[in-house]
Amino acid sequence: MAQQALITALFRLLRPLVRILLRNGVSVEAFEEVARKVYVDVANEDFAIEGKKQTTSRIGVLTGLNRKEVARLLKQPNLEGEPQTLSHNRAEKVLTSWLRDEDFLDPKGDPLNLSFTGSRSFSTLTKRYSGDMPPRAIADELIRVGALEELPDRTLRMIARGYVPDAESDELTAYLGEQGADWLNTFDHNMTCERGDARFQRQVIYPHIPVGEVEAFRSVSARWGQRVLEELDRWLVERKSASPDDEPTVRLGLGIYQVESWPSELGKD
């Protein structure tokens, strides 16, 4: 691959990331320290010569850093941690379980309105899929993010088939790292894999769509995208529940995101 083409791609890729960093007070010095640490870790873990112990000298050659700096960065703790997947979120787990558990669906497969207590209630749903979390706390969180509404008769109705954390929450920021890394890992795989082993990577984008169609597109893309994700969710759950306990496992899924680029004169990002 031509290095200049990759640098150009990097320039475009970093613009939205730097916008997020500047908005949240992350300096170029902090970014550089993270970049140096990641360079050293990736060189150490992914670019060792088979059968040979990786050395600070080789890491220095790969990264352009001196051996003293490499040694310093190798001692720094890894900040990546475990993926903050959606399934780890109690509120999201309750919402998705509501969509696939037949006890809480009508004959058409749509989510029933649920009373708060009773044998077929939101409390029953929460206890079944969220352990000891208080049902009221789960309901309040889902109402807060706009996934549920409480009707005059005190029943709960689902109004959004997906959980989106608050824009100010650390959880949404964690999704940036997880989902962005997932996309780049797929891209990296497709750039280096054998023919026929590529992972699914597609998008449909048209320029010069009239501004008046934006709201309609947001609606239809959210509806169709949600439908695809629910079908895949059911497929994955079936395979997970049917697999033997001792069978090796992988993290598997598909991400869908909306693309919306506005001309600068219209005042949008």
C-alpha atoms as a PDB file:
ATOM      1  CA  MET A   1       0.000   0.000   0.000  1.00  0.00           C
ATOM      2  CA  ALA A   2       1.292   3.486  -0.848  1.00  0.00           C
ATOM      3  CA  GLN A   3       2.254   5.218   2.398  1.00  0.00           C
ATOM      4  CA  GLN A   4       1.039   8.614   1.180  1.00  0.00           C
ATOM      5  CA  ALA A   5      -2.442   7.212   0.539  1.00  0.00           C
ATOM      6  CA  LEU A   6      -2.474   5.838   4.081  1.00  0.00           C
ATOM      7  CA  ILE A   7      -1.361   9.191   5.529  1.00  0.00           C
ATOM      8  CA  THR A   8      -4.174  10.908   3.601  1.00  0.00           C
ATOM      9  CA  ALA A   9      -6.671   8.398   4.968  1.00  0.00           C
ATOM     10  CA  LEU A  10      -5.280   8.955   8.487  1.00  0.00           C
ATOM     11  CA  PHE A  11      -5.732  12.717   8.125  1.00  0.00           C
ATOM     12  CA  ARG A  12      -9.417  12.258   7.251  1.00  0.00           C
ATOM     13  CA  LEU A  13      -9.923   9.627   9.948  1.00  0.00           C
ATOM     14  CA  LEU A  14      -8.459  11.793  12.699  1.00  0.00           C
ATOM     15  CA  ARG A  15     -10.540  14.917  12.006  1.00  0.00           C
ATOM     16  CA  PRO A  16     -13.750  13.739  13.744  1.00  0.00           C
ATOM     17  CA  LEU A  17     -11.720  12.115  16.524  1.00  0.00           C
ATOM     18  CA  VAL A  18      -9.736  15.300  17.195  1.00  0.00           C
ATOM     19  CA  ARG A  19     -13.002  17.274  17.198  1.00  0.00           C
ATOM     20  CA  ILE A  20     -14.262  14.997  19.994  1.00  0.00           C
ATOM     21  CA  LEU A  21     -10.943  15.248  21.882  1.00  0.00           C
ATOM     22  CA  LEU A  22     -10.793  19.054  21.718  1.00  0.00           C
ATOM     23  CA  ARG A  23     -14.426  19.346  22.773  1.00  0.00           C
ATOM     24  CA  ASN A  24     -13.553  17.339  25.884  1.00  0.00           C
ATOM     25  CA  GLY A  25     -10.280  19.052  26.740  1.00  0.00           C
ATOM     26  CA  VAL A  26      -7.824  16.328  25.650  1.00  0.00           C
ATOM     27  CA  SER A  27      -4.551  17.997  24.651  1.00  0.00           C
ATOM     28  CA  VAL A  28      -2.201  17.044  21.833  1.00  0.00           C
ATOM     29  CA  GLU A  29       0.357  15.988  24.476  1.00  0.00           C
ATOM     30  CA  ALA A  30      -2.119  13.487  25.981  1.00  0.00           C
ATOM     31  CA  PHE A  31      -2.989  12.196  22.514  1.00  0.00           C
ATOM     32  CA  GLU A  32       0.696  11.782  21.655  1.00  0.00           C
ATOM     33  CA  GLU A  33       1.369   9.805  24.839  1.00  0.00           C
ATOM     34  CA  VAL A  34      -1.501   7.415  24.055  1.00  0.00           C
ATOM     35  CA  ALA A  35      -0.340   7.065  20.432  1.00  0.00           C
ATOM     36  CA  ARG A  36       3.217   6.260  21.532  1.00  0.00           C
ATOM     37  CA  LYS A  37       1.960   3.651  24.010  1.00  0.00           C
ATOM     38  CA  VAL A  38      -0.261   1.999  21.395  1.00  0.00           C
ATOM     39  CA  TYR A  39       2.555   1.964  18.824  1.00  0.00           C
ATOM     40  CA  VAL A  40       4.842   0.196  21.294  1.00  0.00           C
ATOM     41  CA  ASP A  41       2.199  -2.296  22.457  1.00  0.00           C
ATOM     42  CA  VAL A  42       1.152  -3.219  18.910  1.00  0.00           C
ATOM     43  CA  ALA A  43       4.759  -3.586  17.768  1.00  0.00           C
ATOM     44  CA  ASN A  44       5.491  -5.752  20.811  1.00  0.00           C
ATOM     45  CA  GLU A  45       2.412  -7.970  20.563  1.00  0.00           C
ATOM     46  CA  ASP A  46       1.643  -8.181  16.836  1.00  0.00           C
ATOM     47  CA  PHE A  47       4.975  -7.775  15.015  1.00  0.00           C
ATOM     48  CA  ALA A  48       7.344 -10.142  16.779  1.00  0.00           C
ATOM     49  CA  ILE A  49       9.420 -12.494  14.633  1.00  0.00           C
ATOM     50  CA  GLU A  50       8.215 -16.053  15.089  1.00  0.00           C
ATOM     51  CA  GLY A  51      10.510 -18.048  17.332  1.00  0.00           C
ATOM     52  CA  LYS A  52      12.353 -14.984  18.631  1.00  0.00           C
ATOM     53  CA  LYS A  53      11.812 -12.890  21.740  1.00  0.00           C
ATOM     54  CA  GLN A  54      10.739  -9.357  20.952  1.00  0.00           C
ATOM     55  CA  THR A  55      13.346  -6.770  21.961  1.00  0.00           C
ATOM     56  CA  THR A  56      13.284  -3.049  22.679  1.00  0.00           C
ATOM     57  CA  SER A  57      15.690  -2.578  19.768  1.00  0.00           C
ATOM     58  CA  ARG A  58      13.319  -4.196  17.278  1.00  0.00           C
ATOM     59  CA  ILE A  59      10.340  -2.259  18.682  1.00  0.00           C
ATOM     60  CA  GLY A  60      12.417   0.905  18.298  1.00  0.00           C
ATOM     61  CA  VAL A  61      13.146   0.089  14.652  1.00  0.00           C
ATOM     62  CA  LEU A  62       9.452  -0.527  13.945  1.00  0.00           C
ATOM     63  CA  THR A  63       8.144   2.558  15.752  1.00  0.00           C
ATOM     64  CA  GLY A  64      10.974   5.079  15.322  1.00  0.00           C
ATOM     65  CA  LEU A  65      11.290   5.498  19.118  1.00  0.00           C
ATOM     66  CA  ASN A  66      14.559   5.105  21.032  1.00  0.00           C
ATOM     67  CA  ARG A  67      15.070   2.090  23.303  1.00  0.00           C
ATOM     68  CA  LYS A  68      14.789   4.135  26.501  1.00  0.00           C
ATOM     69  CA  GLU A  69      11.397   5.464  25.441  1.00  0.00           C
ATOM     70  CA  VAL A  70      10.271   1.973  24.384  1.00  0.00           C
ATOM     71  CA  ALA A  71      11.274   0.561  27.780  1.00  0.00           C
ATOM     72  CA  ARG A  72       9.403   3.351  29.564  1.00  0.00           C
ATOM     73  CA  LEU A  73       6.225   2.792  27.575  1.00  0.00           C
ATOM     74  CA  LEU A  74       6.322  -0.982  28.012  1.00  0.00           C
ATOM     75  CA  LYS A  75       6.130  -0.420  31.770  1.00  0.00           C
ATOM     76  CA  GLN A  76       3.028   1.749  31.441  1.00  0.00           C
ATOM     77  CA  PRO A  77      -0.281  -0.019  32.204  1.00  0.00           C
ATOM     78  CA  ASN A  78      -2.538  -1.031  29.322  1.00  0.00           C
ATOM     79  CA  LEU A  79      -5.598   1.246  29.422  1.00  0.00           C
ATOM     80  CA  GLU A  80      -7.670  -0.708  26.911  1.00  0.00           C
ATOM     81  CA  GLY A  81      -9.497  -2.931  29.407  1.00  0.00           C
ATOM     82  CA  GLU A  82     -12.373  -5.205  28.531  1.00  0.00           C
ATOM     83  CA  PRO A  83     -14.913  -4.258  25.817  1.00  0.00           C
ATOM     84  CA  GLN A  84     -17.889  -2.363  27.233  1.00  0.00           C
ATOM     85  CA  THR A  85     -20.338  -4.358  25.134  1.00  0.00           C
ATOM     86  CA  LEU A  86     -24.037  -3.581  25.017  1.00  0.00           C
ATOM     87  CA  SER A  87     -24.823  -6.884  26.706  1.00  0.00           C
ATOM     88  CA  HIS A  88     -23.079  -5.628  29.842  1.00  0.00           C
ATOM     89  CA  ASN A  89     -25.587  -2.841  30.248  1.00  0.00           C
ATOM     90  CA  ARG A  90     -28.498  -3.918  32.427  1.00  0.00           C
ATOM     91  CA  ALA A  91     -31.036  -1.537  30.931  1.00  0.00           C
ATOM     92  CA  GLU A  92     -30.109  -2.501  27.378  1.00  0.00           C
ATOM     93  CA  LYS A  93     -30.258  -6.198  28.257  1.00  0.00           C
ATOM     94  CA  VAL A  94     -33.792  -5.819  29.612  1.00  0.00           C
ATOM     95  CA  LEU A  95     -34.866  -3.941  26.484  1.00  0.00           C
ATOM     96  CA  THR A  96     -33.481  -6.500  24.027  1.00  0.00           C
ATOM     97  CA  SER A  97     -34.855  -9.394  26.086  1.00  0.00           C
ATOM     98  CA  TRP A  98     -38.289  -7.799  25.934  1.00  0.00           C
ATOM     99  CA  LEU A  99     -38.017  -7.936  22.133  1.00  0.00           C
ATOM    100  CA  ARG A 100     -37.191 -11.653  21.945  1.00  0.00           C
ATOM    101  CA  ASP A 101     -38.940 -13.312  24.891  1.00  0.00           C
ATOM    102  CA  GLU A 102     -42.330 -14.622  23.699  1.00  0.00           C
ATOM    103  CA  ASP A 103     -43.802 -14.146  27.186  1.00  0.00           C
ATOM    104  CA  PHE A 104     -43.649 -10.389  26.593  1.00  0.00           C
ATOM    105  CA  LEU A 105     -44.690 -10.245  22.928  1.00  0.00           C
ATOM    106  CA  ASP A 106     -48.095 -10.146  21.252  1.00  0.00           C
ATOM    107  CA  PRO A 107     -49.110 -12.702  18.560  1.00  0.00           C
ATOM    108  CA  LYS A 108     -47.490 -10.492  15.873  1.00  0.00           C
ATOM    109  CA  GLY A 109     -44.174 -10.508  17.717  1.00  0.00           C
ATOM    110  CA  ASP A 110     -44.418  -6.902  18.897  1.00  0.00           C
ATOM    111  CA  PRO A 111     -43.590  -5.945  22.509  1.00  0.00           C
ATOM    112  CA  LEU A 112     -46.593  -5.864  24.810  1.00  0.00           C
ATOM    113  CA  ASN A 113     -47.364  -2.917  27.062  1.00  0.00           C
ATOM    114  CA  LEU A 114     -46.384  -4.124  30.530  1.00  0.00           C
ATOM    115  CA  SER A 115     -47.785  -3.353  33.938  1.00  0.00           C
ATOM    116  CA  PHE A 116     -45.096  -2.675  36.503  1.00  0.00           C
ATOM    117  CA  THR A 117     -45.938  -5.657  38.710  1.00  0.00           C
ATOM    118  CA  GLY A 118     -47.677  -8.990  38.216  1.00  0.00           C
ATOM    119  CA  SER A 119     -46.965 -12.352  36.585  1.00  0.00           C
ATOM    120  CA  ARG A 120     -46.356 -10.884  33.116  1.00  0.00           C
ATOM    121  CA  SER A 121     -44.940  -7.526  34.064  1.00  0.00           C
ATOM    122  CA  PHE A 122     -41.925  -5.294  33.721  1.00  0.00           C
ATOM    123  CA  SER A 123     -40.759  -6.434  37.158  1.00  0.00           C
ATOM    124  CA  THR A 124     -40.896 -10.067  36.012  1.00  0.00           C
ATOM    125  CA  LEU A 125     -38.953  -9.176  32.868  1.00  0.00           C
ATOM    126  CA  THR A 126     -36.304  -7.302  34.856  1.00  0.00           C
ATOM    127  CA  LYS A 127     -35.827 -10.061  37.417  1.00  0.00           C
ATOM    128  CA  ARG A 128     -35.533 -12.647  34.638  1.00  0.00           C
ATOM    129  CA  TYR A 129     -32.828 -10.773  32.714  1.00  0.00           C
ATOM    130  CA  SER A 130     -31.193  -8.321  35.101  1.00  0.00           C
ATOM    131  CA  GLY A 131     -30.750 -10.242  38.326  1.00  0.00           C
ATOM    132  CA  ASP A 132     -30.987  -8.132  41.452  1.00  0.00           C
ATOM    133  CA  MET A 133     -31.282  -4.715  39.812  1.00  0.00           C
ATOM    134  CA  PRO A 134     -34.358  -2.808  41.072  1.00  0.00           C
ATOM    135  CA  PRO A 135     -37.025  -2.799  38.322  1.00  0.00           C
ATOM    136  CA  ARG A 136     -37.888   0.832  39.081  1.00  0.00           C
ATOM    137  CA  ALA A 137     -34.296   1.923  38.477  1.00  0.00           C
ATOM    138  CA  ILE A 138     -34.219   0.080  35.124  1.00  0.00           C
ATOM    139  CA  ALA A 139     -37.572   1.571  34.100  1.00  0.00           C
ATOM    140  CA  ASP A 140     -36.473   5.091  35.045  1.00  0.00           C
ATOM    141  CA  GLU A 141     -33.266   4.749  33.003  1.00  0.00           C
ATOM    142  CA  LEU A 142     -35.140   3.502  29.920  1.00  0.00           C
ATOM    143  CA  ILE A 143     -37.690   6.301  30.265  1.00  0.00           C
ATOM    144  CA  ARG A 144     -34.865   8.846  30.647  1.00  0.00           C
ATOM    145  CA  VAL A 145     -33.166   7.803  27.388  1.00  0.00           C
ATOM    146  CA  GLY A 146     -36.474   7.742  25.507  1.00  0.00           C
ATOM    147  CA  ALA A 147     -36.854   3.978  25.075  1.00  0.00           C
ATOM    148  CA  LEU A 148     -40.011   3.689  27.209  1.00  0.00           C
ATOM    149  CA  GLU A 149     -42.939   5.825  28.214  1.00  0.00           C
ATOM    150  CA  GLU A 150     -45.248   5.418  31.178  1.00  0.00           C
ATOM    151  CA  LEU A 151     -48.895   5.604  30.122  1.00  0.00           C
ATOM    152  CA  PRO A 152     -51.696   7.169  32.220  1.00  0.00           C
ATOM    153  CA  ASP A 153     -52.741   3.710  33.441  1.00  0.00           C
ATOM    154  CA  ARG A 154     -49.162   3.224  34.741  1.00  0.00           C
ATOM    155  CA  THR A 155     -48.265   0.578  32.152  1.00  0.00           C
ATOM    156  CA  LEU A 156     -44.952   0.825  30.325  1.00  0.00           C
ATOM    157  CA  ARG A 157     -44.824   1.019  26.533  1.00  0.00           C
ATOM    158  CA  MET A 158     -41.682   0.579  24.420  1.00  0.00           C
ATOM    159  CA  ILE A 159     -41.255   3.517  22.044  1.00  0.00           C
ATOM    160  CA  ALA A 160     -37.677   2.865  20.832  1.00  0.00           C
ATOM    161  CA  ARG A 161     -36.213  -0.548  20.092  1.00  0.00           C
ATOM    162  CA  GLY A 162     -32.717   0.356  21.108  1.00  0.00           C
ATOM    163  CA  TYR A 163     -30.856   1.765  24.095  1.00  0.00           C
ATOM    164  CA  VAL A 164     -28.729   4.852  23.471  1.00  0.00           C
ATOM    165  CA  PRO A 165     -26.801   6.212  26.487  1.00  0.00           C
ATOM    166  CA  ASP A 166     -26.904   9.871  27.405  1.00  0.00           C
ATOM    167  CA  ALA A 167     -24.516  12.046  25.388  1.00  0.00           C
ATOM    168  CA  GLU A 168     -22.676  13.101  28.558  1.00  0.00           C
ATOM    169  CA  SER A 169     -22.181   9.568  29.914  1.00  0.00           C
ATOM    170  CA  ASP A 170     -18.881   7.694  30.124  1.00  0.00           C
ATOM    171  CA  GLU A 171     -20.724   4.729  28.664  1.00  0.00           C
ATOM    172  CA  LEU A 172     -21.274   6.490  25.324  1.00  0.00           C
ATOM    173  CA  THR A 173     -17.600   7.448  25.264  1.00  0.00           C
ATOM    174  CA  ALA A 174     -16.685   3.787  25.857  1.00  0.00           C
ATOM    175  CA  TYR A 175     -18.774   2.888  22.802  1.00  0.00           C
ATOM    176  CA  LEU A 176     -16.574   5.229  20.744  1.00  0.00           C
ATOM    177  CA  GLY A 177     -13.520   3.111  21.522  1.00  0.00           C
ATOM    178  CA  GLU A 178     -15.280  -0.216  21.160  1.00  0.00           C
ATOM    179  CA  GLN A 179     -17.265   0.410  17.981  1.00  0.00           C
ATOM    180  CA  GLY A 180     -14.516   2.434  16.311  1.00  0.00           C
ATOM    181  CA  ALA A 181     -12.003  -0.332  17.046  1.00  0.00           C
ATOM    182  CA  ASP A 182     -14.416  -2.968  15.711  1.00  0.00           C
ATOM    183  CA  TRP A 183     -14.745  -1.090  12.401  1.00  0.00           C
ATOM    184  CA  LEU A 184     -10.988  -0.597  12.046  1.00  0.00           C
ATOM    185  CA  ASN A 185     -10.260  -4.227  12.947  1.00  0.00           C
ATOM    186  CA  THR A 186     -12.604  -5.332  10.157  1.00  0.00           C
ATOM    187  CA  PHE A 187     -10.897  -2.928   7.743  1.00  0.00           C
ATOM    188  CA  ASP A 188      -7.450  -4.176   8.787  1.00  0.00           C
ATOM    189  CA  HIS A 189      -8.547  -7.793   8.307  1.00  0.00           C
ATOM    190  CA  ASN A 190      -9.911  -7.079   4.834  1.00  0.00           C
ATOM    191  CA  MET A 191      -6.695  -5.333   3.811  1.00  0.00           C
ATOM    192  CA  THR A 192      -4.543  -8.341   4.752  1.00  0.00           C
ATOM    193  CA  CYS A 193      -6.733 -11.452   4.399  1.00  0.00           C
ATOM    194  CA  GLU A 194      -6.690 -14.112   1.705  1.00  0.00           C
ATOM    195  CA  ARG A 195      -9.156 -13.785  -1.161  1.00  0.00           C
ATOM    196  CA  GLY A 196     -12.527 -15.168  -0.109  1.00  0.00           C
ATOM    197  CA  ASP A 197     -11.920 -14.585   3.618  1.00  0.00           C
ATOM    198  CA  ALA A 198     -13.057 -10.946   3.759  1.00  0.00           C
ATOM    199  CA  ARG A 199     -15.556  -9.855   6.393  1.00  0.00           C
ATOM    200  CA  PHE A 200     -18.765  -8.067   5.396  1.00  0.00           C
ATOM    201  CA  GLN A 201     -18.026  -4.366   4.847  1.00  0.00           C
ATOM    202  CA  ARG A 202     -20.520  -2.380   2.797  1.00  0.00           C
ATOM    203  CA  GLN A 203     -22.194   1.003   2.748  1.00  0.00           C
ATOM    204  CA  VAL A 204     -24.666   2.821   0.559  1.00  0.00           C
ATOM    205  CA  ILE A 205     -24.134   6.571   0.191  1.00  0.00           C
ATOM    206  CA  TYR A 206     -25.398   9.036  -2.418  1.00  0.00           C
ATOM    207  CA  PRO A 207     -24.260  12.666  -2.685  1.00  0.00           C
ATOM    208  CA  HIS A 208     -26.543  15.573  -3.516  1.00  0.00           C
ATOM    209  CA  ILE A 209     -29.690  14.274  -1.782  1.00  0.00           C
ATOM    210  CA  PRO A 210     -32.120  17.165  -1.112  1.00  0.00           C
ATOM    211  CA  VAL A 211     -32.001  18.491   2.455  1.00  0.00           C
ATOM    212  CA  GLY A 212     -35.747  17.958   2.753  1.00  0.00           C
ATOM    213  CA  GLU A 213     -35.237  14.186   2.630  1.00  0.00           C
ATOM    214  CA  VAL A 214     -32.970  14.022   5.693  1.00  0.00           C
ATOM    215  CA  GLU A 215     -35.677  13.396   8.286  1.00  0.00           C
ATOM    216  CA  ALA A 216     -37.342  10.758   6.120  1.00  0.00           C
ATOM    217  CA  PHE A 217     -34.019   8.979   5.639  1.00  0.00           C
ATOM    218  CA  ARG A 218     -33.290   9.047   9.371  1.00  0.00           C
ATOM    219  CA  SER A 219     -36.636   7.402  10.007  1.00  0.00           C
ATOM    220  CA  VAL A 220     -36.449   4.722   7.332  1.00  0.00           C
ATOM    221  CA  SER A 221     -32.786   3.863   7.998  1.00  0.00           C
ATOM    222  CA  ALA A 222     -33.438   3.545  11.739  1.00  0.00           C
ATOM    223  CA  ARG A 223     -36.467   1.329  11.120  1.00  0.00           C
ATOM    224  CA  TRP A 224     -34.783  -0.979   8.593  1.00  0.00           C
ATOM    225  CA  GLY A 225     -31.509  -1.044  10.483  1.00  0.00           C
ATOM    226  CA  GLN A 226     -33.279  -1.975  13.714  1.00  0.00           C
ATOM    227  CA  ARG A 227     -35.126  -4.764  11.899  1.00  0.00           C
ATOM    228  CA  VAL A 228     -31.838  -6.245  10.653  1.00  0.00           C
ATOM    229  CA  LEU A 229     -30.218  -6.020  14.083  1.00  0.00           C
ATOM    230  CA  GLU A 230     -33.184  -7.699  15.782  1.00  0.00           C
ATOM    231  CA  GLU A 231     -33.062 -10.596  13.309  1.00  0.00           C
ATOM    232  CA  LEU A 232     -29.334 -11.031  13.868  1.00  0.00           C
ATOM    233  CA  ASP A 233     -29.838 -10.775  17.627  1.00  0.00           C
ATOM    234  CA  ARG A 234     -32.318 -13.659  17.529  1.00  0.00           C
ATOM    235  CA  TRP A 235     -29.962 -15.709  15.335  1.00  0.00           C
ATOM    236  CA  LEU A 236     -27.014 -15.156  17.688  1.00  0.00           C
ATOM    237  CA  VAL A 237     -29.032 -15.918  20.820  1.00  0.00           C
ATOM    238  CA  GLU A 238     -30.229 -19.219  19.333  1.00  0.00           C
ATOM    239  CA  ARG A 239     -26.658 -20.286  18.520  1.00  0.00           C
ATOM    240  CA  LYS A 240     -25.351 -19.188  21.902  1.00  0.00           C
ATOM    241  CA  SER A 241     -27.977 -21.130  23.829  1.00  0.00           C
ATOM    242  CA  ALA A 242     -27.519 -24.264  21.676  1.00  0.00           C
ATOM    243  CA  SER A 243     -23.707 -24.435  21.805  1.00  0.00           C
ATOM    244  CA  PRO A 244     -21.909 -26.857  24.171  1.00  0.00           C
ATOM    245  CA  ASP A 245     -20.413 -25.275  27.293  1.00  0.00           C
ATOM    246  CA  ASP A 246     -16.891 -26.462  26.410  1.00  0.00           C
ATOM    247  CA  GLU A 247     -16.906 -25.189  22.808  1.00  0.00           C
ATOM    248  CA  PRO A 248     -14.466 -22.309  22.078  1.00  0.00           C
ATOM    249  CA  THR A 249     -16.224 -18.969  21.581  1.00  0.00           C
ATOM    250  CA  VAL A 250     -15.631 -15.741  19.652  1.00  0.00           C
ATOM    251  CA  ARG A 251     -17.113 -12.240  19.822  1.00  0.00           C
ATOM    252  CA  LEU A 252     -19.390 -11.929  16.785  1.00  0.00           C
ATOM    253  CA  GLY A 253     -21.730  -9.228  15.506  1.00  0.00           C
ATOM    254  CA  LEU A 254     -22.590  -6.597  12.914  1.00  0.00           C
ATOM    255  CA  GLY A 255     -22.651  -2.813  13.287  1.00  0.00           C
ATOM    256  CA  ILE A 256     -24.834  -0.340  11.370  1.00  0.00           C
ATOM    257  CA  TYR A 257     -24.328   3.420  11.447  1.00  0.00           C
ATOM    258  CA  GLN A 258     -25.845   6.392   9.631  1.00  0.00           C
ATOM    259  CA  VAL A 259     -23.766   8.636   7.365  1.00  0.00           C
ATOM    260  CA  GLU A 260     -24.799  12.289   7.156  1.00  0.00           C
ATOM    261  CA  SER A 261     -22.360  14.918   5.827  1.00  0.00           C
ATOM    262  CA  TRP A 262     -23.523  18.527   5.671  1.00  0.00           C
ATOM    263  CA  PRO A 263     -21.925  21.377   3.692  1.00  0.00           C
ATOM    264  CA  SER A 264     -20.122  23.818   5.990  1.00  0.00           C
ATOM    265  CA  GLU A 265     -22.361  26.705   4.911  1.00  0.00           C
ATOM    266  CA  LEU A 266     -25.367  24.928   6.466  1.00  0.00           C
ATOM    267  CA  GLY A 267     -23.722  24.945   9.880  1.00  0.00           C
ATOM    268  CA  LYS A 268     -23.635  21.189  10.580  1.00  0.00           C
ATOM    269  CA  ASP A 269     -20.711  18.986  11.628  1.00  0.00           C
END
